[in-house]
Amino acid sequence: MSLLASLLTSSSTLSVFDRSVEVTQNNVTNATTPGYVTQRLTLDALPFDPGLHLPGGVRAGDVQSARNEFAEAAVRQHQESLGTFSQKSASLQAVEGSLDLSSSSGIPGALADLFQRFSAWGLTPSSGTARQAVLDQAQNVASSFRSTAAQLAQTSNDADRQISQTVD
């Protein structure tokens, strides 16, 4: 093997190691960058056989990323699920406020008052005042249902608007 071949092989090898140092420097520089994944330069050995005039040495291979595509896909899927469930939770909290069963107002309160009016009318079935109180309270129940339906429609419209804004 000639001195020139040895110098060329050494020069080529130093160039490959310089490239490797660049990749390492890039890893150090971007280590704190969110989402950055370490890269690695593969080194391929060249055949060495002085009888066949093969000087050996090293050749730079591909730069490989440590990113796992399956893990990345799983993270994206879970982030989408989180967004979906967060939106559902926010929408359902608004619905829950409209349908609060423990409340003394709204539909539960109106129904409780209606049942009390029925009980009072049951004690005096011939009383016109008691009968009118039942009818009035039945109107209040119907009004509570209409009001709750309007609140639910508004909640639905708000959720649709929020989803559209998020998608846009």
Protein backbone atom coordinates (compact mmCIF):
# COMPACT_ATOMS: atom_id res chain seq x y z
CA MET A 1 0.00 0.00 0.00
CA SER A 2 1.43 3.36 -1.00
CA LEU A 3 1.96 6.37 1.16
CA LEU A 4 -0.50 8.32 -0.97
CA ALA A 5 -3.24 5.69 -0.47
CA SER A 6 -2.61 5.77 3.28
CA LEU A 7 -2.85 9.55 3.34
CA LEU A 8 -6.08 9.49 1.31
CA THR A 9 -7.60 6.87 3.59
CA SER A 10 -6.58 8.86 6.68
CA SER A 11 -7.98 12.07 5.19
CA SER A 12 -11.25 10.36 4.31
CA THR A 13 -11.50 8.85 7.79
CA LEU A 14 -10.85 12.23 9.44
CA SER A 15 -13.57 13.76 7.26
CA VAL A 16 -16.02 11.06 8.40
CA PHE A 17 -15.14 11.66 12.06
CA ASP A 18 -15.53 15.42 11.49
CA ARG A 19 -19.06 14.71 10.22
CA SER A 20 -19.68 12.55 13.31
CA VAL A 21 -18.56 15.41 15.56
CA GLU A 22 -20.98 17.75 13.70
CA VAL A 23 -23.89 15.39 14.42
CA THR A 24 -22.86 15.17 18.09
CA GLN A 25 -22.54 18.96 18.28
CA ASN A 26 -26.03 19.29 16.80
CA ASN A 27 -27.36 16.92 19.50
CA VAL A 28 -25.74 18.99 22.27
CA THR A 29 -26.95 22.28 20.78
CA ASN A 30 -30.55 21.11 20.45
CA ALA A 31 -30.75 19.00 23.61
CA THR A 32 -33.11 21.47 25.29
CA THR A 33 -35.24 22.12 22.20
CA PRO A 34 -38.76 20.74 22.79
CA GLY A 35 -39.46 17.78 20.53
CA TYR A 36 -35.84 17.34 19.42
CA VAL A 37 -34.67 13.76 19.16
CA THR A 38 -31.06 12.63 19.29
CA GLN A 39 -29.41 11.74 15.99
CA ARG A 40 -26.57 9.34 15.32
CA LEU A 41 -24.25 8.99 12.33
CA THR A 42 -23.63 5.40 11.33
CA LEU A 43 -20.07 4.51 10.40
CA ASP A 44 -19.40 1.80 7.82
CA ALA A 45 -16.05 0.02 7.68
CA LEU A 46 -14.45 -0.24 4.26
CA PRO A 47 -12.76 -3.51 3.31
CA PHE A 48 -9.06 -3.79 4.07
CA ASP A 49 -6.98 -6.14 1.98
CA PRO A 50 -3.52 -4.93 0.90
CA GLY A 51 -3.23 -7.81 -1.60
CA LEU A 52 -6.28 -6.54 -3.48
CA HIS A 53 -5.28 -2.89 -3.02
CA LEU A 54 -8.23 -2.26 -0.66
CA PRO A 55 -6.94 0.34 1.82
CA GLY A 56 -9.75 0.05 4.38
CA GLY A 57 -10.96 3.02 6.35
CA VAL A 58 -14.36 4.33 7.34
CA ARG A 59 -17.27 5.72 5.32
CA ALA A 60 -20.09 7.88 6.72
CA GLY A 61 -23.46 6.14 6.65
CA ASP A 62 -26.89 7.60 7.22
CA VAL A 63 -27.88 9.93 10.04
CA GLN A 64 -30.37 8.00 12.12
CA SER A 65 -32.96 9.51 14.42
CA ALA A 66 -33.78 7.97 17.79
CA ARG A 67 -37.44 8.86 17.19
CA ASN A 68 -39.78 5.89 17.38
CA GLU A 69 -42.55 6.34 14.82
CA PHE A 70 -44.89 3.94 16.67
CA ALA A 71 -44.44 5.88 19.90
CA GLU A 72 -44.96 9.17 18.04
CA ALA A 73 -48.20 7.86 16.50
CA ALA A 74 -49.39 6.71 19.93
CA VAL A 75 -48.65 10.14 21.43
CA ARG A 76 -50.55 11.89 18.62
CA GLN A 77 -53.50 9.54 19.08
CA HIS A 78 -53.59 10.14 22.84
CA GLN A 79 -53.35 13.90 22.36
CA GLU A 80 -56.31 13.77 19.99
CA SER A 81 -58.23 11.69 22.54
CA LEU A 82 -57.36 14.16 25.29
CA GLY A 83 -58.67 17.03 23.17
CA THR A 84 -61.86 15.13 22.40
CA PHE A 85 -62.50 14.22 26.01
CA SER A 86 -61.64 17.72 27.25
CA GLN A 87 -64.20 19.17 24.85
CA LYS A 88 -66.81 16.60 25.92
CA SER A 89 -66.12 17.35 29.57
CA ALA A 90 -66.56 21.09 29.05
CA SER A 91 -69.77 20.54 27.08
CA LEU A 92 -71.17 18.12 29.65
CA GLN A 93 -70.41 20.50 32.52
CA ALA A 94 -72.62 23.07 30.82
CA VAL A 95 -75.34 20.43 30.32
CA GLU A 96 -75.01 19.35 33.94
CA GLY A 97 -75.64 22.94 35.05
CA SER A 98 -78.84 23.01 33.00
CA LEU A 99 -80.06 19.68 34.36
CA ASP A 100 -79.07 20.00 38.03
CA LEU A 101 -81.36 17.49 39.76
CA SER A 102 -80.42 18.65 43.25
CA SER A 103 -81.57 22.20 42.53
CA SER A 104 -84.76 23.70 43.92
CA SER A 105 -85.20 25.67 40.70
CA GLY A 106 -85.63 24.71 37.06
CA ILE A 107 -87.38 21.46 36.16
CA PRO A 108 -86.84 19.71 39.54
CA GLY A 109 -88.20 22.69 41.49
CA ALA A 110 -91.15 23.12 39.12
CA LEU A 111 -92.05 19.42 39.34
CA ALA A 112 -91.78 19.47 43.15
CA ASP A 113 -94.14 22.46 43.27
CA LEU A 114 -96.55 20.72 40.88
CA PHE A 115 -96.66 17.62 43.08
CA GLN A 116 -97.36 19.84 46.12
CA ARG A 117 -100.23 21.49 44.25
CA PHE A 118 -101.60 18.05 43.34
CA SER A 119 -101.40 17.03 47.00
CA ALA A 120 -103.25 20.19 48.07
CA TRP A 121 -105.88 19.59 45.39
CA GLY A 122 -106.22 15.97 46.56
CA LEU A 123 -107.21 17.23 50.03
CA THR A 124 -109.98 19.43 48.56
CA PRO A 125 -110.93 17.94 45.16
CA SER A 126 -113.88 20.30 44.66
CA SER A 127 -111.79 23.45 45.21
CA GLY A 128 -111.54 25.58 42.06
CA THR A 129 -108.62 27.49 43.55
CA ALA A 130 -106.63 24.29 44.13
CA ARG A 131 -107.44 23.12 40.57
CA GLN A 132 -106.29 26.48 39.13
CA ALA A 133 -103.08 26.29 41.21
CA VAL A 134 -102.36 22.88 39.60
CA LEU A 135 -102.97 24.30 36.12
CA ASP A 136 -100.79 27.34 36.82
CA GLN A 137 -97.99 25.17 38.14
CA ALA A 138 -98.31 22.85 35.11
CA GLN A 139 -97.69 25.96 32.97
CA ASN A 140 -94.59 26.66 35.08
CA VAL A 141 -93.38 23.08 34.49
CA ALA A 142 -93.86 23.50 30.73
CA SER A 143 -92.03 26.83 30.89
CA SER A 144 -89.15 25.20 32.80
CA PHE A 145 -88.88 22.50 30.12
CA ARG A 146 -88.85 25.14 27.36
CA SER A 147 -86.22 27.17 29.21
CA THR A 148 -84.04 24.12 29.78
CA ALA A 149 -84.40 23.09 26.12
CA ALA A 150 -83.29 26.59 25.07
CA GLN A 151 -80.27 26.40 27.42
CA LEU A 152 -79.33 22.99 26.01
CA ALA A 153 -79.67 24.29 22.44
CA GLN A 154 -77.43 27.24 23.34
CA THR A 155 -74.90 24.88 24.94
CA SER A 156 -74.91 22.77 21.79
CA ASN A 157 -74.37 25.84 19.61
CA ASP A 158 -71.53 27.02 21.87
CA ALA A 159 -69.86 23.61 21.68
CA ASP A 160 -70.19 23.55 17.88
CA ARG A 161 -68.72 27.06 17.68
CA GLN A 162 -65.79 26.12 19.95
CA ILE A 163 -65.06 23.01 17.89
CA SER A 164 -65.17 25.03 14.66
CA GLN A 165 -62.80 27.62 16.10
CA THR A 166 -60.42 24.92 17.28
CA VAL A 167 -60.44 23.20 13.89
CA ASP A 168 -59.97 26.52 12.05
